[in-house]
């Protein structure tokens, strides 16, 4: 089963696909959102938590929005269809916008599997989001399977996990990419921190 982008032609709260454009905003060095995206099992939550720990040694205050936890609460009414996934990411972005408006640094860990999901986020956050692609192959994620999600998917109890495609960042998407196929070493985390610190507030 494959999922076409046309299914997402008009997700709730977003413009039609062809019209989704990041808002043009002035880039400021202040509270912003750091969005970790990638396949389930790639290491998004782990890396996001490490960044949160680093950010909490300074100021302003930090808030971590994890996709799984968010679905258990504010998005518990949503399923995993293409349309529901788009709406889930819009809600995440709106909450992040409200928090940064109150002076919080926000770290999000959520799959954002399709380009159009990331476009929906950009339509809310504009240039005030820093993207981190946590890059691990499907084979690597299936092998790790810490949450046994892929095991459930193979048994037919979670078909959307394998049936739904993942689109990596495209050439016009500015992202910081972290290869986690070999694991999450201390040096990997240090390199990521050094790359992100230029976007941190003064």
Protein backbone atom coordinates (compact mmCIF):
# COMPACT_ATOMS: atom_id res chain seq x y z
CA UNK A 1 0.00 0.00 0.00
CA UNK A 2 1.35 3.41 -0.90
CA UNK A 3 0.13 6.82 0.12
CA UNK A 4 -0.04 9.60 -2.42
CA UNK A 5 0.49 13.23 -1.47
CA UNK A 6 -2.81 13.96 -3.17
CA UNK A 7 -4.53 12.46 -0.12
CA UNK A 8 -3.18 15.45 1.79
CA UNK A 9 -4.54 17.98 -0.68
CA UNK A 10 -6.31 19.93 2.03
CA UNK A 11 -5.39 18.86 5.60
CA UNK A 12 -7.29 20.57 8.40
CA UNK A 13 -6.01 24.06 9.11
CA UNK A 14 -3.59 24.07 6.19
CA UNK A 15 -3.60 25.52 2.71
CA UNK A 16 -3.92 23.19 -0.32
CA UNK A 17 -0.65 21.41 -1.04
CA UNK A 18 0.39 23.66 -3.92
CA UNK A 19 -0.19 26.75 -1.81
CA UNK A 20 1.59 25.68 1.37
CA UNK A 21 4.53 28.02 1.79
CA UNK A 22 6.55 28.94 4.86
CA UNK A 23 5.59 32.38 6.08
CA UNK A 24 8.21 35.01 5.40
CA UNK A 25 9.36 36.22 8.78
CA UNK A 26 12.40 38.02 10.05
CA UNK A 27 14.93 35.56 11.43
CA UNK A 28 15.70 36.48 15.02
CA UNK A 29 18.13 34.98 17.45
CA UNK A 30 15.67 34.25 20.21
CA UNK A 31 13.48 31.40 21.47
CA UNK A 32 12.83 28.97 18.64
CA UNK A 33 11.75 25.43 17.87
CA UNK A 34 14.14 22.55 17.21
CA UNK A 35 12.27 19.82 15.35
CA UNK A 36 13.77 16.31 15.27
CA UNK A 37 12.18 14.20 12.53
CA UNK A 38 12.84 10.76 11.11
CA UNK A 39 11.59 7.19 11.10
CA UNK A 40 10.26 5.51 14.21
CA UNK A 41 13.29 4.06 15.98
CA UNK A 42 15.82 6.44 14.43
CA UNK A 43 16.66 8.05 17.78
CA UNK A 44 14.64 11.28 17.64
CA UNK A 45 13.46 11.26 21.25
CA UNK A 46 16.89 10.34 22.61
CA UNK A 47 18.65 13.12 20.70
CA UNK A 48 15.92 15.62 21.55
CA UNK A 49 16.24 14.77 25.25
CA UNK A 50 20.00 15.31 25.10
CA UNK A 51 19.47 18.73 23.53
CA UNK A 52 16.91 19.60 26.20
CA UNK A 53 19.46 18.69 28.90
CA UNK A 54 22.03 20.98 27.29
CA UNK A 55 19.59 23.85 26.87
CA UNK A 56 18.46 23.61 30.48
CA UNK A 57 21.94 24.54 31.66
CA UNK A 58 21.26 28.08 30.46
CA UNK A 59 18.22 30.19 29.63
CA UNK A 60 15.46 30.71 28.55
CA UNK A 61 13.35 27.80 29.88
CA UNK A 62 12.90 24.74 27.67
CA UNK A 63 9.83 22.65 26.79
CA UNK A 64 10.00 19.23 25.09
CA UNK A 65 7.05 18.12 22.93
CA UNK A 66 7.28 14.41 22.16
CA UNK A 67 5.09 13.07 19.36
CA UNK A 68 4.02 9.90 21.20
CA UNK A 69 3.05 11.78 24.36
CA UNK A 70 1.27 14.45 22.33
CA UNK A 71 -0.84 11.78 20.62
CA UNK A 72 -1.85 10.41 24.02
CA UNK A 73 -3.22 13.83 24.95
CA UNK A 74 -4.03 16.70 22.59
CA UNK A 75 -4.17 14.46 19.51
CA UNK A 76 -5.81 11.38 21.00
CA UNK A 77 -8.79 11.95 18.69
CA UNK A 78 -6.59 11.46 15.62
CA UNK A 79 -5.66 8.28 13.82
CA UNK A 80 -2.77 7.64 11.44
CA UNK A 81 -4.34 8.48 8.10
CA UNK A 82 -2.53 10.97 5.89
CA UNK A 83 -5.03 13.66 6.82
CA UNK A 84 -4.81 12.97 10.56
CA UNK A 85 -1.01 13.00 10.48
CA UNK A 86 -1.07 16.42 8.84
CA UNK A 87 -3.45 17.73 11.50
CA UNK A 88 -1.31 16.27 14.28
CA UNK A 89 1.74 18.15 13.00
CA UNK A 90 -0.25 21.37 12.66
CA UNK A 91 -1.29 21.08 16.32
CA UNK A 92 2.27 20.41 17.41
CA UNK A 93 3.45 23.48 15.51
CA UNK A 94 0.71 25.67 16.98
CA UNK A 95 1.62 24.62 20.53
CA UNK A 96 5.30 25.26 19.78
CA UNK A 97 4.40 28.72 18.45
CA UNK A 98 2.49 29.57 21.62
CA UNK A 99 5.37 28.41 23.82
CA UNK A 100 8.09 30.30 21.94
CA UNK A 101 5.85 33.36 22.10
CA UNK A 102 6.04 33.03 25.88
CA UNK A 103 9.82 32.84 25.83
CA UNK A 104 10.37 29.06 25.85
CA UNK A 105 12.88 27.19 23.75
CA UNK A 106 10.91 24.28 22.27
CA UNK A 107 12.27 20.89 21.24
CA UNK A 108 9.95 18.63 19.23
CA UNK A 109 10.50 14.96 18.43
CA UNK A 110 7.98 13.77 15.85
CA UNK A 111 8.27 11.81 12.60
CA UNK A 112 7.00 14.46 10.12
CA UNK A 113 7.31 11.68 7.54
CA UNK A 114 6.21 13.61 4.44
CA UNK A 115 7.45 16.87 2.98
CA UNK A 116 3.92 18.25 3.18
CA UNK A 117 3.88 17.66 6.96
CA UNK A 118 7.00 19.78 7.27
CA UNK A 119 5.43 22.41 5.00
CA UNK A 120 2.43 22.56 7.34
CA UNK A 121 4.82 23.17 10.24
CA UNK A 122 6.63 25.88 8.28
CA UNK A 123 3.31 27.57 7.51
CA UNK A 124 2.87 28.02 11.27
CA UNK A 125 6.45 28.61 12.47
CA UNK A 126 8.03 30.22 9.42
CA UNK A 127 11.80 30.59 9.77
CA UNK A 128 11.72 30.15 13.53
CA UNK A 129 12.17 26.38 13.34
CA UNK A 130 15.47 24.49 13.07
CA UNK A 131 15.09 21.06 11.48
CA UNK A 132 17.15 18.06 12.55
CA UNK A 133 16.81 14.98 10.35
CA UNK A 134 17.62 11.90 12.43
CA UNK A 135 18.74 9.66 9.58
CA UNK A 136 18.50 5.89 10.02
CA UNK A 137 17.50 3.36 7.39
CA UNK A 138 14.32 1.33 7.67
CA UNK A 139 16.46 -1.80 8.13
CA UNK A 140 18.26 -0.18 11.09
CA UNK A 141 15.00 0.92 12.71
CA UNK A 142 13.41 -2.51 12.28
CA UNK A 143 16.47 -4.13 13.84
CA UNK A 144 16.35 -1.83 16.89
CA UNK A 145 12.58 -1.85 17.38
CA UNK A 146 12.86 -0.78 21.04
CA UNK A 147 9.10 -0.18 21.27
CA UNK A 148 8.25 -3.38 19.33
CA UNK A 149 6.31 -1.27 16.86
CA UNK A 150 7.73 -2.97 13.79
CA UNK A 151 7.03 -6.38 15.33
CA UNK A 152 3.40 -5.34 15.78
CA UNK A 153 3.32 -3.96 12.24
CA UNK A 154 4.61 -7.22 10.78
CA UNK A 155 1.89 -9.07 12.70
CA UNK A 156 -0.75 -6.82 11.12
CA UNK A 157 -1.59 -4.96 14.34
CA UNK A 158 -0.03 -1.67 13.25
CA UNK A 159 -0.12 -1.71 9.44
CA UNK A 160 0.15 2.07 9.01
CA UNK A 161 3.74 2.02 10.32
CA UNK A 162 5.01 0.04 7.33
CA UNK A 163 2.42 1.11 4.75
CA UNK A 164 3.06 4.83 5.20
CA UNK A 165 6.11 6.15 3.31
CA UNK A 166 8.90 8.28 4.75
CA UNK A 167 10.26 11.12 2.64
CA UNK A 168 13.68 12.38 3.62
CA UNK A 169 14.54 16.07 3.29
CA UNK A 170 14.56 17.44 -0.25
CA UNK A 171 17.21 19.69 -1.80
CA UNK A 172 15.42 22.94 -0.95
CA UNK A 173 14.84 22.00 2.70
CA UNK A 174 17.48 23.40 5.05
CA UNK A 175 18.12 20.78 7.70
CA UNK A 176 20.82 19.52 10.00
CA UNK A 177 21.20 15.81 9.32
CA UNK A 178 22.47 13.30 11.88
CA UNK A 179 23.31 9.75 10.77
CA UNK A 180 22.36 7.34 13.57
CA UNK A 181 22.76 4.06 11.70
CA UNK A 182 25.83 3.29 13.81
CA UNK A 183 24.20 4.40 17.06
CA UNK A 184 24.23 7.53 19.18
CA UNK A 185 27.78 8.03 20.37
CA UNK A 186 28.91 10.88 22.58
CA UNK A 187 30.82 12.38 19.65
CA UNK A 188 27.66 12.33 17.51
CA UNK A 189 25.78 14.32 20.13
CA UNK A 190 28.69 16.75 20.57
CA UNK A 191 28.86 17.41 16.82
CA UNK A 192 25.13 18.04 16.72
CA UNK A 193 25.38 20.47 19.65
CA UNK A 194 28.21 22.38 17.96
CA UNK A 195 26.16 22.73 14.79
CA UNK A 196 23.04 23.88 16.59
CA UNK A 197 24.63 26.31 19.04
CA UNK A 198 24.90 29.01 16.36
CA UNK A 199 21.08 29.21 16.39
CA UNK A 200 20.80 29.49 20.17
CA UNK A 201 19.65 32.75 21.74
CA UNK A 202 22.19 35.13 23.22
